[in-house]
Amino acid sequence: MNWDQEIDATGLLCPLPVLKARKRLAGMAPGAVLRLVSTDPAAVVDVPHFCAQSGHELVSTSSEGAAQVYLIRRT
């Protein structure tokens, strides 16, 4: 799937990956997709929770080596 913007949050710990995603999504158009790459072990809980609370769609979650990759569609 294609995405519109990307955040490389590798090496950052909770809550920074979610905070960076929130800030970036706020500036994106509705329907745009953000790709978030994180190595934070807490992100597997934090990112889905953030999407559920904020109303954004968590399109997919996958792994790339030690990193988790999240595609989030702005609503």
N, C-alpha and C. Protein backbone atom coordinates (compact mmCIF):
# COMPACT_ATOMS: atom_id res chain seq x y z
N MET A 1 0.83 -1.18 0.00
CA MET A 1 0.00 0.00 0.00
C MET A 1 0.88 1.25 0.00
N ASN A 2 0.43 2.27 -0.66
CA ASN A 2 1.16 3.54 -0.70
C ASN A 2 0.81 4.39 0.51
N TRP A 3 1.71 5.27 0.87
CA TRP A 3 1.46 6.19 1.98
C TRP A 3 1.87 7.58 1.55
N ASP A 4 1.37 8.57 2.27
CA ASP A 4 1.62 9.96 1.91
C ASP A 4 2.79 10.57 2.67
N GLN A 5 2.93 10.19 3.93
CA GLN A 5 4.03 10.70 4.74
C GLN A 5 4.55 9.57 5.63
N GLU A 6 5.79 9.76 6.12
CA GLU A 6 6.42 8.73 6.93
C GLU A 6 7.13 9.35 8.12
N ILE A 7 7.07 8.64 9.25
CA ILE A 7 7.84 9.02 10.43
C ILE A 7 8.73 7.84 10.79
N ASP A 8 10.03 8.09 10.89
CA ASP A 8 10.96 7.07 11.37
C ASP A 8 11.20 7.35 12.86
N ALA A 9 10.51 6.60 13.70
CA ALA A 9 10.62 6.79 15.15
C ALA A 9 11.48 5.70 15.78
N THR A 10 12.35 5.08 14.98
CA THR A 10 13.22 4.04 15.54
C THR A 10 14.13 4.66 16.60
N GLY A 11 14.25 3.95 17.70
CA GLY A 11 15.09 4.42 18.80
C GLY A 11 14.36 5.30 19.80
N LEU A 12 13.16 5.75 19.46
CA LEU A 12 12.39 6.59 20.39
C LEU A 12 11.49 5.71 21.26
N LEU A 13 11.35 6.09 22.51
CA LEU A 13 10.52 5.33 23.45
C LEU A 13 9.22 6.08 23.75
N CYS A 14 8.30 5.34 24.31
CA CYS A 14 6.98 5.83 24.70
C CYS A 14 7.15 7.11 25.52
N PRO A 15 6.39 8.11 25.24
CA PRO A 15 5.27 8.24 24.31
C PRO A 15 5.63 8.91 22.99
N LEU A 16 6.91 9.07 22.70
CA LEU A 16 7.32 9.87 21.54
C LEU A 16 6.79 9.38 20.19
N PRO A 17 6.79 8.07 19.87
CA PRO A 17 6.25 7.67 18.56
C PRO A 17 4.80 8.10 18.36
N VAL A 18 3.97 7.94 19.39
CA VAL A 18 2.57 8.33 19.27
C VAL A 18 2.43 9.85 19.22
N LEU A 19 3.20 10.57 20.01
CA LEU A 19 3.13 12.03 19.98
C LEU A 19 3.53 12.58 18.62
N LYS A 20 4.57 12.02 18.02
CA LYS A 20 4.98 12.45 16.69
C LYS A 20 3.91 12.12 15.66
N ALA A 21 3.29 10.95 15.78
CA ALA A 21 2.22 10.57 14.85
C ALA A 21 1.04 11.52 14.99
N ARG A 22 0.65 11.83 16.21
CA ARG A 22 -0.48 12.75 16.45
C ARG A 22 -0.22 14.10 15.79
N LYS A 23 0.96 14.63 16.00
CA LYS A 23 1.29 15.95 15.44
C LYS A 23 1.28 15.92 13.92
N ARG A 24 1.87 14.88 13.33
CA ARG A 24 1.92 14.79 11.88
C ARG A 24 0.54 14.61 11.28
N LEU A 25 -0.27 13.72 11.88
CA LEU A 25 -1.62 13.48 11.38
C LEU A 25 -2.48 14.74 11.42
N ALA A 26 -2.27 15.57 12.41
CA ALA A 26 -3.05 16.81 12.54
C ALA A 26 -2.85 17.72 11.33
N GLY A 27 -1.69 17.64 10.70
CA GLY A 27 -1.41 18.48 9.54
C GLY A 27 -1.68 17.82 8.20
N MET A 28 -2.19 16.61 8.22
CA MET A 28 -2.45 15.87 6.98
C MET A 28 -3.93 15.99 6.60
N ALA A 29 -4.20 15.81 5.32
CA ALA A 29 -5.57 15.86 4.82
C ALA A 29 -6.33 14.60 5.21
N PRO A 30 -7.63 14.69 5.43
CA PRO A 30 -8.43 13.50 5.70
C PRO A 30 -8.27 12.46 4.58
N GLY A 31 -8.08 11.21 4.95
CA GLY A 31 -7.88 10.14 3.98
C GLY A 31 -6.42 9.86 3.66
N ALA A 32 -5.52 10.77 4.05
CA ALA A 32 -4.09 10.56 3.81
C ALA A 32 -3.58 9.48 4.76
N VAL A 33 -2.51 8.80 4.34
CA VAL A 33 -1.97 7.68 5.11
C VAL A 33 -0.57 8.03 5.61
N LEU A 34 -0.36 7.78 6.91
CA LEU A 34 0.94 7.97 7.55
C LEU A 34 1.57 6.61 7.80
N ARG A 35 2.84 6.47 7.45
CA ARG A 35 3.61 5.26 7.76
C ARG A 35 4.50 5.59 8.95
N LEU A 36 4.30 4.86 10.05
CA LEU A 36 5.06 5.05 11.27
C LEU A 36 5.93 3.82 11.51
N VAL A 37 7.24 4.04 11.64
CA VAL A 37 8.18 2.95 11.90
C VAL A 37 8.72 3.15 13.31
N SER A 38 8.57 2.12 14.16
CA SER A 38 8.96 2.25 15.56
C SER A 38 9.60 0.96 16.07
N THR A 39 10.59 1.14 16.94
CA THR A 39 11.21 0.00 17.62
C THR A 39 10.80 -0.05 19.09
N ASP A 40 9.93 0.86 19.51
CA ASP A 40 9.46 0.90 20.89
C ASP A 40 8.57 -0.30 21.17
N PRO A 41 8.92 -1.15 22.13
CA PRO A 41 8.09 -2.33 22.41
C PRO A 41 6.67 -1.97 22.84
N ALA A 42 6.48 -0.81 23.44
CA ALA A 42 5.15 -0.39 23.89
C ALA A 42 4.27 0.07 22.73
N ALA A 43 4.85 0.31 21.57
CA ALA A 43 4.07 0.81 20.43
C ALA A 43 3.01 -0.18 19.97
N VAL A 44 3.24 -1.48 20.19
CA VAL A 44 2.24 -2.48 19.77
C VAL A 44 0.93 -2.29 20.53
N VAL A 45 0.97 -1.68 21.69
CA VAL A 45 -0.23 -1.36 22.45
C VAL A 45 -0.63 0.10 22.23
N ASP A 46 0.36 0.99 22.25
CA ASP A 46 0.11 2.43 22.19
C ASP A 46 -0.51 2.89 20.87
N VAL A 47 0.00 2.40 19.75
CA VAL A 47 -0.48 2.88 18.45
C VAL A 47 -1.93 2.46 18.20
N PRO A 48 -2.30 1.19 18.37
CA PRO A 48 -3.72 0.84 18.20
C PRO A 48 -4.64 1.60 19.17
N HIS A 49 -4.18 1.78 20.41
CA HIS A 49 -4.98 2.53 21.39
C HIS A 49 -5.15 3.98 20.94
N PHE A 50 -4.08 4.60 20.48
CA PHE A 50 -4.14 5.98 19.98
C PHE A 50 -5.14 6.09 18.84
N CYS A 51 -5.08 5.15 17.89
CA CYS A 51 -6.00 5.20 16.74
C CYS A 51 -7.44 5.05 17.20
N ALA A 52 -7.69 4.14 18.10
CA ALA A 52 -9.05 3.93 18.60
C ALA A 52 -9.58 5.17 19.33
N GLN A 53 -8.73 5.80 20.11
CA GLN A 53 -9.15 6.98 20.87
C GLN A 53 -9.32 8.22 20.00
N SER A 54 -8.50 8.34 18.97
CA SER A 54 -8.53 9.55 18.14
C SER A 54 -9.44 9.41 16.92
N GLY A 55 -9.86 8.19 16.62
CA GLY A 55 -10.75 7.98 15.48
C GLY A 55 -10.04 7.73 14.17
N HIS A 56 -8.72 7.67 14.18
CA HIS A 56 -7.98 7.37 12.96
C HIS A 56 -8.03 5.86 12.70
N GLU A 57 -7.88 5.48 11.44
CA GLU A 57 -7.96 4.06 11.06
C GLU A 57 -6.56 3.44 11.03
N LEU A 58 -6.36 2.40 11.81
CA LEU A 58 -5.12 1.63 11.74
C LEU A 58 -5.29 0.65 10.59
N VAL A 59 -4.67 0.96 9.46
CA VAL A 59 -4.85 0.19 8.23
C VAL A 59 -4.13 -1.14 8.31
N SER A 60 -2.88 -1.11 8.78
CA SER A 60 -2.12 -2.36 8.88
C SER A 60 -0.97 -2.22 9.86
N THR A 61 -0.52 -3.37 10.33
CA THR A 61 0.65 -3.48 11.20
C THR A 61 1.51 -4.60 10.65
N SER A 62 2.82 -4.34 10.54
CA SER A 62 3.72 -5.37 10.05
C SER A 62 5.08 -5.19 10.72
N SER A 63 5.96 -6.15 10.48
CA SER A 63 7.32 -6.09 11.02
C SER A 63 8.32 -5.95 9.90
N GLU A 64 9.35 -5.16 10.15
CA GLU A 64 10.50 -5.05 9.25
C GLU A 64 11.74 -5.17 10.13
N GLY A 65 12.26 -6.37 10.23
CA GLY A 65 13.39 -6.61 11.13
C GLY A 65 12.95 -6.41 12.56
N ALA A 66 13.65 -5.54 13.28
CA ALA A 66 13.32 -5.27 14.68
C ALA A 66 12.25 -4.20 14.84
N ALA A 67 11.84 -3.60 13.74
CA ALA A 67 10.88 -2.50 13.80
C ALA A 67 9.46 -2.96 13.47
N GLN A 68 8.50 -2.27 14.06
CA GLN A 68 7.09 -2.44 13.72
C GLN A 68 6.70 -1.29 12.80
N VAL A 69 5.90 -1.61 11.79
CA VAL A 69 5.47 -0.61 10.82
C VAL A 69 3.95 -0.50 10.89
N TYR A 70 3.46 0.72 11.05
CA TYR A 70 2.03 0.99 11.17
C TYR A 70 1.62 1.91 10.03
N LEU A 71 0.52 1.57 9.37
CA LEU A 71 -0.08 2.48 8.40
C LEU A 71 -1.36 3.01 9.02
N ILE A 72 -1.44 4.33 9.14
CA ILE A 72 -2.56 4.98 9.80
C ILE A 72 -3.21 5.95 8.82
N ARG A 73 -4.53 5.78 8.61
CA ARG A 73 -5.27 6.69 7.73
C ARG A 73 -5.94 7.77 8.60
N ARG A 74 -5.68 9.01 8.21
CA ARG A 74 -6.28 10.12 8.94
C ARG A 74 -7.77 10.20 8.61
N THR A 75 -8.59 10.39 9.64
CA THR A 75 -10.04 10.52 9.42
C THR A 75 -10.46 11.97 9.53
